[in-house]
Amino acid sequence: MSTRQVSLGDQLTLMELYIYIVICFYVAVVILIQFGKAQQTIAYWLSFLLFSVILIVDAAMFATHDQLHDFYLPFVIIVLIITLIKIMDFCTVPQRFCEEVRFFQIYFTS
C-alpha cells in the first residue's frame, strides 16, 4: 500500500473503492459489447473514461514529482501530437495542400 493511504471511513480505503469501481466498469463493458454497434461505442467511451480517471487520480494523488516529469509529461505530449495528427487526417490536410506529392495521394486517400 501507499504511504499516503486515504481512508473513507472505518473499513473502506480509497484504493478499495477504486477497485470496486473498476470491477463494475469491467462488468458493464463486458455486457455492453455483446450487443449492437451503439452499445459497443458506449463500451468504448466507458473504457476511455475509466482510463482517463485512473490516470488523473494517479497523477493528482499518488504520483511523485519524478513520475510526473518522467511519465506524464511525455505522455501528454505524445497524446497531443497524435490528436493533432488525427485532426489533420480527418480534415484531409495532406491531400489538400500536397496535391503534387505522390506519397500523400497514394497512402492517405486509399
PDB file of N, CA and C in Angstrom:
ATOM      1  N   MET A   1       0.824  -1.180   0.000  1.00  0.00           N
ATOM      2  CA  MET A   1       0.000   0.000   0.000  1.00  0.00           C
ATOM      3  C   MET A   1       0.871   1.247   0.000  1.00  0.00           C
ATOM      4  N   SER A   2       0.303   2.314  -0.405  1.00  0.00           N
ATOM      5  CA  SER A   2       0.995   3.595  -0.439  1.00  0.00           C
ATOM      6  C   SER A   2       1.163   4.132   0.980  1.00  0.00           C
ATOM      7  N   THR A   3       2.192   4.921   1.176  1.00  0.00           N
ATOM      8  CA  THR A   3       2.377   5.539   2.481  1.00  0.00           C
ATOM      9  C   THR A   3       1.341   6.624   2.725  1.00  0.00           C
ATOM     10  N   ARG A   4       0.753   7.148   1.650  1.00  0.00           N
ATOM     11  CA  ARG A   4      -0.300   8.163   1.765  1.00  0.00           C
ATOM     12  C   ARG A   4      -1.656   7.506   1.585  1.00  0.00           C
ATOM     13  N   GLN A   5      -2.040   6.658   2.500  1.00  0.00           N
ATOM     14  CA  GLN A   5      -3.291   5.927   2.390  1.00  0.00           C
ATOM     15  C   GLN A   5      -4.452   6.830   2.773  1.00  0.00           C
ATOM     16  N   VAL A   6      -5.460   6.872   1.916  1.00  0.00           N
ATOM     17  CA  VAL A   6      -6.644   7.694   2.153  1.00  0.00           C
ATOM     18  C   VAL A   6      -7.760   6.775   2.604  1.00  0.00           C
ATOM     19  N   SER A   7      -8.410   7.104   3.700  1.00  0.00           N
ATOM     20  CA  SER A   7      -9.466   6.267   4.243  1.00  0.00           C
ATOM     21  C   SER A   7     -10.809   6.963   4.081  1.00  0.00           C
ATOM     22  N   LEU A   8     -11.817   6.187   3.710  1.00  0.00           N
ATOM     23  CA  LEU A   8     -13.178   6.718   3.541  1.00  0.00           C
ATOM     24  C   LEU A   8     -14.107   6.166   4.616  1.00  0.00           C
ATOM     25  N   GLY A   9     -13.683   6.144   5.796  1.00  0.00           N
ATOM     26  CA  GLY A   9     -14.467   5.585   6.879  1.00  0.00           C
ATOM     27  C   GLY A   9     -13.608   4.601   7.649  1.00  0.00           C
ATOM     28  N   ASP A  10     -14.263   3.768   8.427  1.00  0.00           N
ATOM     29  CA  ASP A  10     -13.523   2.837   9.267  1.00  0.00           C
ATOM     30  C   ASP A  10     -12.970   1.644   8.489  1.00  0.00           C
ATOM     31  N   GLN A  11     -13.652   1.205   7.445  1.00  0.00           N
ATOM     32  CA  GLN A  11     -13.250  -0.038   6.800  1.00  0.00           C
ATOM     33  C   GLN A  11     -12.908   0.103   5.325  1.00  0.00           C
ATOM     34  N   LEU A  12     -13.261   1.169   4.657  1.00  0.00           N
ATOM     35  CA  LEU A  12     -13.068   1.285   3.213  1.00  0.00           C
ATOM     36  C   LEU A  12     -12.002   2.324   2.897  1.00  0.00           C
ATOM     37  N   THR A  13     -10.960   1.888   2.214  1.00  0.00           N
ATOM     38  CA  THR A  13      -9.936   2.835   1.781  1.00  0.00           C
ATOM     39  C   THR A  13     -10.257   3.296   0.371  1.00  0.00           C
ATOM     40  N   LEU A  14      -9.610   4.353  -0.047  1.00  0.00           N
ATOM     41  CA  LEU A  14      -9.845   4.888  -1.384  1.00  0.00           C
ATOM     42  C   LEU A  14      -9.429   3.892  -2.464  1.00  0.00           C
ATOM     43  N   MET A  15      -8.341   3.161  -2.232  1.00  0.00           N
ATOM     44  CA  MET A  15      -7.887   2.171  -3.211  1.00  0.00           C
ATOM     45  C   MET A  15      -8.905   1.050  -3.371  1.00  0.00           C
ATOM     46  N   GLU A  16      -9.510   0.607  -2.284  1.00  0.00           N
ATOM     47  CA  GLU A  16     -10.546  -0.426  -2.374  1.00  0.00           C
ATOM     48  C   GLU A  16     -11.759   0.088  -3.139  1.00  0.00           C
ATOM     49  N   LEU A  17     -12.109   1.362  -2.932  1.00  0.00           N
ATOM     50  CA  LEU A  17     -13.213   1.951  -3.685  1.00  0.00           C
ATOM     51  C   LEU A  17     -12.911   1.961  -5.172  1.00  0.00           C
ATOM     52  N   TYR A  18     -11.679   2.323  -5.542  1.00  0.00           N
ATOM     53  CA  TYR A  18     -11.279   2.300  -6.948  1.00  0.00           C
ATOM     54  C   TYR A  18     -11.349   0.887  -7.528  1.00  0.00           C
ATOM     55  N   ILE A  19     -10.957  -0.095  -6.750  1.00  0.00           N
ATOM     56  CA  ILE A  19     -11.030  -1.487  -7.223  1.00  0.00           C
ATOM     57  C   ILE A  19     -12.480  -1.885  -7.492  1.00  0.00           C
ATOM     58  N   TYR A  20     -13.396  -1.519  -6.606  1.00  0.00           N
ATOM     59  CA  TYR A  20     -14.815  -1.823  -6.819  1.00  0.00           C
ATOM     60  C   TYR A  20     -15.357  -1.102  -8.055  1.00  0.00           C
ATOM     61  N   ILE A  21     -14.954   0.139  -8.258  1.00  0.00           N
ATOM     62  CA  ILE A  21     -15.400   0.889  -9.435  1.00  0.00           C
ATOM     63  C   ILE A  21     -14.880   0.238 -10.713  1.00  0.00           C
ATOM     64  N   VAL A  22     -13.619  -0.186 -10.716  1.00  0.00           N
ATOM     65  CA  VAL A  22     -13.039  -0.842 -11.894  1.00  0.00           C
ATOM     66  C   VAL A  22     -13.770  -2.147 -12.196  1.00  0.00           C
ATOM     67  N   ILE A  23     -14.090  -2.907 -11.185  1.00  0.00           N
ATOM     68  CA  ILE A  23     -14.823  -4.160 -11.402  1.00  0.00           C
ATOM     69  C   ILE A  23     -16.201  -3.876 -11.993  1.00  0.00           C
ATOM     70  N   CYS A  24     -16.902  -2.861 -11.487  1.00  0.00           N
ATOM     71  CA  CYS A  24     -18.232  -2.509 -12.023  1.00  0.00           C
ATOM     72  C   CYS A  24     -18.128  -2.045 -13.480  1.00  0.00           C
ATOM     73  N   PHE A  25     -17.130  -1.223 -13.793  1.00  0.00           N
ATOM     74  CA  PHE A  25     -16.933  -0.798 -15.179  1.00  0.00           C
ATOM     75  C   PHE A  25     -16.628  -1.986 -16.072  1.00  0.00           C
ATOM     76  N   TYR A  26     -15.795  -2.889 -15.611  1.00  0.00           N
ATOM     77  CA  TYR A  26     -15.446  -4.062 -16.415  1.00  0.00           C
ATOM     78  C   TYR A  26     -16.680  -4.908 -16.721  1.00  0.00           C
ATOM     79  N   VAL A  27     -17.506  -5.142 -15.725  1.00  0.00           N
ATOM     80  CA  VAL A  27     -18.727  -5.918 -15.937  1.00  0.00           C
ATOM     81  C   VAL A  27     -19.656  -5.190 -16.913  1.00  0.00           C
ATOM     82  N   ALA A  28     -19.787  -3.881 -16.778  1.00  0.00           N
ATOM     83  CA  ALA A  28     -20.642  -3.113 -17.690  1.00  0.00           C
ATOM     84  C   ALA A  28     -20.128  -3.187 -19.122  1.00  0.00           C
ATOM     85  N   VAL A  29     -18.814  -3.094 -19.307  1.00  0.00           N
ATOM     86  CA  VAL A  29     -18.240  -3.156 -20.656  1.00  0.00           C
ATOM     87  C   VAL A  29     -18.432  -4.537 -21.251  1.00  0.00           C
ATOM     88  N   VAL A  30     -18.219  -5.588 -20.464  1.00  0.00           N
ATOM     89  CA  VAL A  30     -18.403  -6.954 -20.976  1.00  0.00           C
ATOM     90  C   VAL A  30     -19.848  -7.184 -21.397  1.00  0.00           C
ATOM     91  N   ILE A  31     -20.787  -6.652 -20.646  1.00  0.00           N
ATOM     92  CA  ILE A  31     -22.203  -6.800 -21.013  1.00  0.00           C
ATOM     93  C   ILE A  31     -22.522  -5.982 -22.264  1.00  0.00           C
ATOM     94  N   LEU A  32     -22.004  -4.756 -22.353  1.00  0.00           N
ATOM     95  CA  LEU A  32     -22.337  -3.887 -23.478  1.00  0.00           C
ATOM     96  C   LEU A  32     -21.757  -4.372 -24.809  1.00  0.00           C
ATOM     97  N   ILE A  33     -20.591  -5.003 -24.798  1.00  0.00           N
ATOM     98  CA  ILE A  33     -20.004  -5.416 -26.079  1.00  0.00           C
ATOM     99  C   ILE A  33     -20.720  -6.604 -26.695  1.00  0.00           C
ATOM    100  N   GLN A  34     -21.644  -7.210 -25.970  1.00  0.00           N
ATOM    101  CA  GLN A  34     -22.395  -8.343 -26.501  1.00  0.00           C
ATOM    102  C   GLN A  34     -23.518  -7.900 -27.435  1.00  0.00           C
ATOM    103  N   PHE A  35     -23.842  -6.618 -27.426  1.00  0.00           N
ATOM    104  CA  PHE A  35     -24.977  -6.126 -28.174  1.00  0.00           C
ATOM    105  C   PHE A  35     -24.526  -5.390 -29.426  1.00  0.00           C
ATOM    106  N   GLY A  36     -25.337  -4.496 -29.940  1.00  0.00           N
ATOM    107  CA  GLY A  36     -25.107  -3.838 -31.223  1.00  0.00           C
ATOM    108  C   GLY A  36     -24.010  -2.790 -31.208  1.00  0.00           C
ATOM    109  N   LYS A  37     -23.931  -2.066 -32.334  1.00  0.00           N
ATOM    110  CA  LYS A  37     -22.865  -1.086 -32.545  1.00  0.00           C
ATOM    111  C   LYS A  37     -22.947   0.074 -31.562  1.00  0.00           C
ATOM    112  N   ALA A  38     -24.137   0.531 -31.241  1.00  0.00           N
ATOM    113  CA  ALA A  38     -24.280   1.659 -30.314  1.00  0.00           C
ATOM    114  C   ALA A  38     -23.764   1.279 -28.926  1.00  0.00           C
ATOM    115  N   GLN A  39     -24.073   0.070 -28.471  1.00  0.00           N
ATOM    116  CA  GLN A  39     -23.607  -0.366 -27.162  1.00  0.00           C
ATOM    117  C   GLN A  39     -22.091  -0.563 -27.156  1.00  0.00           C
ATOM    118  N   GLN A  40     -21.532  -1.004 -28.291  1.00  0.00           N
ATOM    119  CA  GLN A  40     -20.076  -1.137 -28.371  1.00  0.00           C
ATOM    120  C   GLN A  40     -19.404   0.226 -28.310  1.00  0.00           C
ATOM    121  N   THR A  41     -20.023   1.232 -28.915  1.00  0.00           N
ATOM    122  CA  THR A  41     -19.488   2.591 -28.827  1.00  0.00           C
ATOM    123  C   THR A  41     -19.550   3.100 -27.396  1.00  0.00           C
ATOM    124  N   ILE A  42     -20.647   2.826 -26.708  1.00  0.00           N
ATOM    125  CA  ILE A  42     -20.765   3.215 -25.300  1.00  0.00           C
ATOM    126  C   ILE A  42     -19.698   2.505 -24.474  1.00  0.00           C
ATOM    127  N   ALA A  43     -19.455   1.226 -24.748  1.00  0.00           N
ATOM    128  CA  ALA A  43     -18.431   0.484 -24.026  1.00  0.00           C
ATOM    129  C   ALA A  43     -17.048   1.071 -24.275  1.00  0.00           C
ATOM    130  N   TYR A  44     -16.784   1.488 -25.519  1.00  0.00           N
ATOM    131  CA  TYR A  44     -15.508   2.120 -25.832  1.00  0.00           C
ATOM    132  C   TYR A  44     -15.324   3.400 -25.023  1.00  0.00           C
ATOM    133  N   TRP A  45     -16.344   4.252 -24.989  1.00  0.00           N
ATOM    134  CA  TRP A  45     -16.229   5.517 -24.270  1.00  0.00           C
ATOM    135  C   TRP A  45     -16.171   5.309 -22.762  1.00  0.00           C
ATOM    136  N   LEU A  46     -16.847   4.272 -22.252  1.00  0.00           N
ATOM    137  CA  LEU A  46     -16.716   3.945 -20.833  1.00  0.00           C
ATOM    138  C   LEU A  46     -15.285   3.524 -20.503  1.00  0.00           C
ATOM    139  N   SER A  47     -14.691   2.726 -21.380  1.00  0.00           N
ATOM    140  CA  SER A  47     -13.300   2.313 -21.165  1.00  0.00           C
ATOM    141  C   SER A  47     -12.366   3.511 -21.219  1.00  0.00           C
ATOM    142  N   PHE A  48     -12.587   4.407 -22.178  1.00  0.00           N
ATOM    143  CA  PHE A  48     -11.776   5.612 -22.281  1.00  0.00           C
ATOM    144  C   PHE A  48     -11.937   6.481 -21.034  1.00  0.00           C
ATOM    145  N   LEU A  49     -13.158   6.614 -20.546  1.00  0.00           N
ATOM    146  CA  LEU A  49     -13.425   7.393 -19.346  1.00  0.00           C
ATOM    147  C   LEU A  49     -12.729   6.784 -18.132  1.00  0.00           C
ATOM    148  N   LEU A  50     -12.808   5.471 -17.987  1.00  0.00           N
ATOM    149  CA  LEU A  50     -12.163   4.810 -16.862  1.00  0.00           C
ATOM    150  C   LEU A  50     -10.643   4.992 -16.922  1.00  0.00           C
ATOM    151  N   PHE A  51     -10.070   4.817 -18.100  1.00  0.00           N
ATOM    152  CA  PHE A  51      -8.627   5.003 -18.271  1.00  0.00           C
ATOM    153  C   PHE A  51      -8.225   6.432 -17.920  1.00  0.00           C
ATOM    154  N   SER A  52      -9.012   7.400 -18.365  1.00  0.00           N
ATOM    155  CA  SER A  52      -8.715   8.805 -18.067  1.00  0.00           C
ATOM    156  C   SER A  52      -8.806   9.092 -16.576  1.00  0.00           C
ATOM    157  N   VAL A  53      -9.831   8.575 -15.928  1.00  0.00           N
ATOM    158  CA  VAL A  53      -9.999   8.801 -14.494  1.00  0.00           C
ATOM    159  C   VAL A  53      -8.843   8.181 -13.716  1.00  0.00           C
ATOM    160  N   ILE A  54      -8.431   6.980 -14.102  1.00  0.00           N
ATOM    161  CA  ILE A  54      -7.309   6.333 -13.425  1.00  0.00           C
ATOM    162  C   ILE A  54      -6.043   7.163 -13.582  1.00  0.00           C
ATOM    163  N   LEU A  55      -5.780   7.670 -14.772  1.00  0.00           N
ATOM    164  CA  LEU A  55      -4.591   8.492 -14.978  1.00  0.00           C
ATOM    165  C   LEU A  55      -4.654   9.794 -14.193  1.00  0.00           C
ATOM    166  N   ILE A  56      -5.812  10.442 -14.185  1.00  0.00           N
ATOM    167  CA  ILE A  56      -5.948  11.709 -13.471  1.00  0.00           C
ATOM    168  C   ILE A  56      -5.805  11.510 -11.966  1.00  0.00           C
ATOM    169  N   VAL A  57      -6.431  10.466 -11.421  1.00  0.00           N
ATOM    170  CA  VAL A  57      -6.325  10.207  -9.985  1.00  0.00           C
ATOM    171  C   VAL A  57      -4.890   9.858  -9.612  1.00  0.00           C
ATOM    172  N   ASP A  58      -4.233   9.058 -10.439  1.00  0.00           N
ATOM    173  CA  ASP A  58      -2.849   8.711 -10.150  1.00  0.00           C
ATOM    174  C   ASP A  58      -1.958   9.945 -10.193  1.00  0.00           C
ATOM    175  N   ALA A  59      -2.142  10.778 -11.207  1.00  0.00           N
ATOM    176  CA  ALA A  59      -1.310  11.980 -11.329  1.00  0.00           C
ATOM    177  C   ALA A  59      -1.576  12.964 -10.190  1.00  0.00           C
ATOM    178  N   ALA A  60      -2.824  13.078  -9.771  1.00  0.00           N
ATOM    179  CA  ALA A  60      -3.166  14.071  -8.757  1.00  0.00           C
ATOM    180  C   ALA A  60      -2.863  13.611  -7.335  1.00  0.00           C
ATOM    181  N   MET A  61      -2.993  12.316  -7.065  1.00  0.00           N
ATOM    182  CA  MET A  61      -2.918  11.875  -5.675  1.00  0.00           C
ATOM    183  C   MET A  61      -1.710  11.003  -5.341  1.00  0.00           C
ATOM    184  N   PHE A  62      -1.227  10.204  -6.289  1.00  0.00           N
ATOM    185  CA  PHE A  62      -0.246   9.199  -5.925  1.00  0.00           C
ATOM    186  C   PHE A  62       1.120   9.381  -6.576  1.00  0.00           C
ATOM    187  N   ALA A  63       1.198  10.069  -7.696  1.00  0.00           N
ATOM    188  CA  ALA A  63       2.464  10.181  -8.420  1.00  0.00           C
ATOM    189  C   ALA A  63       3.400  11.176  -7.741  1.00  0.00           C
ATOM    190  N   THR A  64       4.679  10.822  -7.751  1.00  0.00           N
ATOM    191  CA  THR A  64       5.683  11.732  -7.220  1.00  0.00           C
ATOM    192  C   THR A  64       6.080  12.726  -8.310  1.00  0.00           C
ATOM    193  N   HIS A  65       6.886  13.691  -7.930  1.00  0.00           N
ATOM    194  CA  HIS A  65       7.338  14.695  -8.897  1.00  0.00           C
ATOM    195  C   HIS A  65       8.142  14.044 -10.022  1.00  0.00           C
ATOM    196  N   ASP A  66       8.985  13.069  -9.691  1.00  0.00           N
ATOM    197  CA  ASP A  66       9.769  12.383 -10.723  1.00  0.00           C
ATOM    198  C   ASP A  66       8.878  11.603 -11.682  1.00  0.00           C
ATOM    199  N   GLN A  67       7.844  10.961 -11.162  1.00  0.00           N
ATOM    200  CA  GLN A  67       6.919  10.230 -12.021  1.00  0.00           C
ATOM    201  C   GLN A  67       6.152  11.178 -12.935  1.00  0.00           C
ATOM    202  N   LEU A  68       5.761  12.321 -12.407  1.00  0.00           N
ATOM    203  CA  LEU A  68       5.085  13.310 -13.247  1.00  0.00           C
ATOM    204  C   LEU A  68       6.003  13.782 -14.363  1.00  0.00           C
ATOM    205  N   HIS A  69       7.247  14.013 -14.030  1.00  0.00           N
ATOM    206  CA  HIS A  69       8.204  14.506 -15.010  1.00  0.00           C
ATOM    207  C   HIS A  69       8.594  13.428 -16.027  1.00  0.00           C
ATOM    208  N   ASP A  70       8.757  12.188 -15.576  1.00  0.00           N
ATOM    209  CA  ASP A  70       9.254  11.126 -16.447  1.00  0.00           C
ATOM    210  C   ASP A  70       8.164  10.420 -17.250  1.00  0.00           C
ATOM    211  N   PHE A  71       6.941  10.353 -16.747  1.00  0.00           N
ATOM    212  CA  PHE A  71       5.887   9.642 -17.460  1.00  0.00           C
ATOM    213  C   PHE A  71       4.817  10.570 -18.010  1.00  0.00           C
ATOM    214  N   TYR A  72       4.214  11.388 -17.151  1.00  0.00           N
ATOM    215  CA  TYR A  72       3.040  12.144 -17.561  1.00  0.00           C
ATOM    216  C   TYR A  72       3.357  13.250 -18.558  1.00  0.00           C
ATOM    217  N   LEU A  73       4.472  13.921 -18.412  1.00  0.00           N
ATOM    218  CA  LEU A  73       4.826  14.968 -19.366  1.00  0.00           C
ATOM    219  C   LEU A  73       5.023  14.406 -20.779  1.00  0.00           C
ATOM    220  N   PRO A  74       5.849  13.361 -20.980  1.00  0.00           N
ATOM    221  CA  PRO A  74       5.938  12.785 -22.339  1.00  0.00           C
ATOM    222  C   PRO A  74       4.620  12.189 -22.817  1.00  0.00           C
ATOM    223  N   PHE A  75       3.851  11.593 -21.902  1.00  0.00           N
ATOM    224  CA  PHE A  75       2.571  11.007 -22.274  1.00  0.00           C
ATOM    225  C   PHE A  75       1.615  12.065 -22.814  1.00  0.00           C
ATOM    226  N   VAL A  76       1.538  13.199 -22.141  1.00  0.00           N
ATOM    227  CA  VAL A  76       0.655  14.287 -22.589  1.00  0.00           C
ATOM    228  C   VAL A  76       1.134  14.840 -23.923  1.00  0.00           C
ATOM    229  N   ILE A  77       2.438  14.991 -24.099  1.00  0.00           N
ATOM    230  CA  ILE A  77       2.968  15.492 -25.369  1.00  0.00           C
ATOM    231  C   ILE A  77       2.637  14.534 -26.505  1.00  0.00           C
ATOM    232  N   ILE A  78       2.820  13.239 -26.292  1.00  0.00           N
ATOM    233  CA  ILE A  78       2.517  12.253 -27.336  1.00  0.00           C
ATOM    234  C   ILE A  78       1.029  12.235 -27.660  1.00  0.00           C
ATOM    235  N   VAL A  79       0.175  12.304 -26.642  1.00  0.00           N
ATOM    236  CA  VAL A  79      -1.275  12.326 -26.883  1.00  0.00           C
ATOM    237  C   VAL A  79      -1.668  13.568 -27.669  1.00  0.00           C
ATOM    238  N   LEU A  80      -1.083  14.710 -27.357  1.00  0.00           N
ATOM    239  CA  LEU A  80      -1.382  15.932 -28.110  1.00  0.00           C
ATOM    240  C   LEU A  80      -0.916  15.824 -29.557  1.00  0.00           C
ATOM    241  N   ILE A  81       0.252  15.246 -29.794  1.00  0.00           N
ATOM    242  CA  ILE A  81       0.739  15.080 -31.168  1.00  0.00           C
ATOM    243  C   ILE A  81      -0.172  14.139 -31.940  1.00  0.00           C
ATOM    244  N   ILE A  82      -0.545  13.021 -31.344  1.00  0.00           N
ATOM    245  CA  ILE A  82      -1.436  12.071 -32.020  1.00  0.00           C
ATOM    246  C   ILE A  82      -2.795  12.708 -32.284  1.00  0.00           C
ATOM    247  N   THR A  83      -3.305  13.494 -31.342  1.00  0.00           N
ATOM    248  CA  THR A  83      -4.579  14.186 -31.549  1.00  0.00           C
ATOM    249  C   THR A  83      -4.482  15.169 -32.701  1.00  0.00           C
ATOM    250  N   LEU A  84      -3.403  15.915 -32.768  1.00  0.00           N
ATOM    251  CA  LEU A  84      -3.204  16.849 -33.870  1.00  0.00           C
ATOM    252  C   LEU A  84      -3.136  16.113 -35.217  1.00  0.00           C
ATOM    253  N   ILE A  85      -2.433  14.987 -35.259  1.00  0.00           N
ATOM    254  CA  ILE A  85      -2.344  14.204 -36.494  1.00  0.00           C
ATOM    255  C   ILE A  85      -3.716  13.675 -36.897  1.00  0.00           C
ATOM    256  N   LYS A  86      -4.490  13.182 -35.931  1.00  0.00           N
ATOM    257  CA  LYS A  86      -5.837  12.677 -36.239  1.00  0.00           C
ATOM    258  C   LYS A  86      -6.745  13.789 -36.757  1.00  0.00           C
ATOM    259  N   ILE A  87      -6.648  14.981 -36.178  1.00  0.00           N
ATOM    260  CA  ILE A  87      -7.451  16.109 -36.653  1.00  0.00           C
ATOM    261  C   ILE A  87      -7.045  16.492 -38.068  1.00  0.00           C
ATOM    262  N   MET A  88      -5.748  16.520 -38.334  1.00  0.00           N
ATOM    263  CA  MET A  88      -5.276  16.839 -39.687  1.00  0.00           C
ATOM    264  C   MET A  88      -5.725  15.786 -40.688  1.00  0.00           C
ATOM    265  N   ASP A  89      -5.684  14.522 -40.291  1.00  0.00           N
ATOM    266  CA  ASP A  89      -6.129  13.454 -41.182  1.00  0.00           C
ATOM    267  C   ASP A  89      -7.635  13.540 -41.420  1.00  0.00           C
ATOM    268  N   PHE A  90      -8.397  13.849 -40.373  1.00  0.00           N
ATOM    269  CA  PHE A  90      -9.841  13.975 -40.515  1.00  0.00           C
ATOM    270  C   PHE A  90     -10.204  15.119 -41.458  1.00  0.00           C
ATOM    271  N   CYS A  91      -9.457  16.197 -41.394  1.00  0.00           N
ATOM    272  CA  CYS A  91      -9.720  17.359 -42.246  1.00  0.00           C
ATOM    273  C   CYS A  91      -9.033  17.253 -43.606  1.00  0.00           C
ATOM    274  N   THR A  92      -8.429  16.127 -43.884  1.00  0.00           N
ATOM    275  CA  THR A  92      -7.718  15.843 -45.153  1.00  0.00           C
ATOM    276  C   THR A  92      -6.710  16.937 -45.501  1.00  0.00           C
ATOM    277  N   VAL A  93      -5.931  17.346 -44.518  1.00  0.00           N
ATOM    278  CA  VAL A  93      -4.918  18.380 -44.739  1.00  0.00           C
ATOM    279  C   VAL A  93      -3.844  17.928 -45.730  1.00  0.00           C
ATOM    280  N   PRO A  94      -3.293  16.705 -45.630  1.00  0.00           N
ATOM    281  CA  PRO A  94      -2.238  16.334 -46.588  1.00  0.00           C
ATOM    282  C   PRO A  94      -2.719  16.335 -48.041  1.00  0.00           C
ATOM    283  N   GLN A  95      -3.951  15.870 -48.283  1.00  0.00           N
ATOM    284  CA  GLN A  95      -4.448  15.818 -49.646  1.00  0.00           C
ATOM    285  C   GLN A  95      -4.729  17.211 -50.205  1.00  0.00           C
ATOM    286  N   ARG A  96      -5.137  18.142 -49.361  1.00  0.00           N
ATOM    287  CA  ARG A  96      -5.468  19.485 -49.831  1.00  0.00           C
ATOM    288  C   ARG A  96      -4.235  20.293 -50.199  1.00  0.00           C
ATOM    289  N   PHE A  97      -3.227  20.219 -49.352  1.00  0.00           N
ATOM    290  CA  PHE A  97      -2.091  21.115 -49.523  1.00  0.00           C
ATOM    291  C   PHE A  97      -0.884  20.471 -50.188  1.00  0.00           C
ATOM    292  N   CYS A  98      -0.935  19.178 -50.421  1.00  0.00           N
ATOM    293  CA  CYS A  98       0.190  18.481 -51.070  1.00  0.00           C
ATOM    294  C   CYS A  98      -0.332  17.673 -52.251  1.00  0.00           C
ATOM    295  N   GLU A  99      -1.014  18.320 -53.160  1.00  0.00           N
ATOM    296  CA  GLU A  99      -1.634  17.615 -54.276  1.00  0.00           C
ATOM    297  C   GLU A  99      -0.617  16.987 -55.217  1.00  0.00           C
ATOM    298  N   GLU A 100       0.557  17.595 -55.342  1.00  0.00           N
ATOM    299  CA  GLU A 100       1.548  17.072 -56.272  1.00  0.00           C
ATOM    300  C   GLU A 100       2.401  15.957 -55.672  1.00  0.00           C
ATOM    301  N   VAL A 101       2.366  15.782 -54.373  1.00  0.00           N
ATOM    302  CA  VAL A 101       3.198  14.770 -53.729  1.00  0.00           C
ATOM    303  C   VAL A 101       2.499  13.419 -53.834  1.00  0.00           C
ATOM    304  N   ARG A 102       3.146  12.493 -54.506  1.00  0.00           N
ATOM    305  CA  ARG A 102       2.532  11.205 -54.784  1.00  0.00           C
ATOM    306  C   ARG A 102       2.301  10.383 -53.516  1.00  0.00           C
ATOM    307  N   PHE A 103       3.189  10.492 -52.531  1.00  0.00           N
ATOM    308  CA  PHE A 103       3.069   9.715 -51.292  1.00  0.00           C
ATOM    309  C   PHE A 103       1.731   9.961 -50.610  1.00  0.00           C
ATOM    310  N   PHE A 104       1.335  11.219 -50.480  1.00  0.00           N
ATOM    311  CA  PHE A 104       0.067  11.536 -49.815  1.00  0.00           C
ATOM    312  C   PHE A 104      -1.124  11.061 -50.627  1.00  0.00           C
ATOM    313  N   GLN A 105      -1.033  11.174 -51.936  1.00  0.00           N
ATOM    314  CA  GLN A 105      -2.153  10.761 -52.781  1.00  0.00           C
ATOM    315  C   GLN A 105      -2.331   9.245 -52.764  1.00  0.00           C
ATOM    316  N   ILE A 106      -1.249   8.505 -52.650  1.00  0.00           N
ATOM    317  CA  ILE A 106      -1.353   7.033 -52.661  1.00  0.00           C
ATOM    318  C   ILE A 106      -1.774   6.501 -51.298  1.00  0.00           C
ATOM    319  N   TYR A 107      -1.127   6.962 -50.237  1.00  0.00           N
ATOM    320  CA  TYR A 107      -1.332   6.335 -48.925  1.00  0.00           C
ATOM    321  C   TYR A 107      -2.391   6.997 -48.056  1.00  0.00           C
ATOM    322  N   PHE A 108      -2.718   8.230 -48.278  1.00  0.00           N
ATOM    323  CA  PHE A 108      -3.724   8.891 -47.439  1.00  0.00           C
ATOM    324  C   PHE A 108      -5.116   8.865 -48.061  1.00  0.00           C
ATOM    325  N   THR A 109      -5.243   8.616 -49.338  1.00  0.00           N
ATOM    326  CA  THR A 109      -6.556   8.628 -49.966  1.00  0.00           C
ATOM    327  C   THR A 109      -7.119   7.230 -50.162  1.00  0.00           C
ATOM    328  N   SER A 110      -6.332   6.207 -49.943  1.00  0.00           N
ATOM    329  CA  SER A 110      -6.848   4.847 -50.178  1.00  0.00           C
ATOM    330  C   SER A 110      -7.295   4.187 -48.918  1.00  0.00           C
TER     331      SER A 110
END
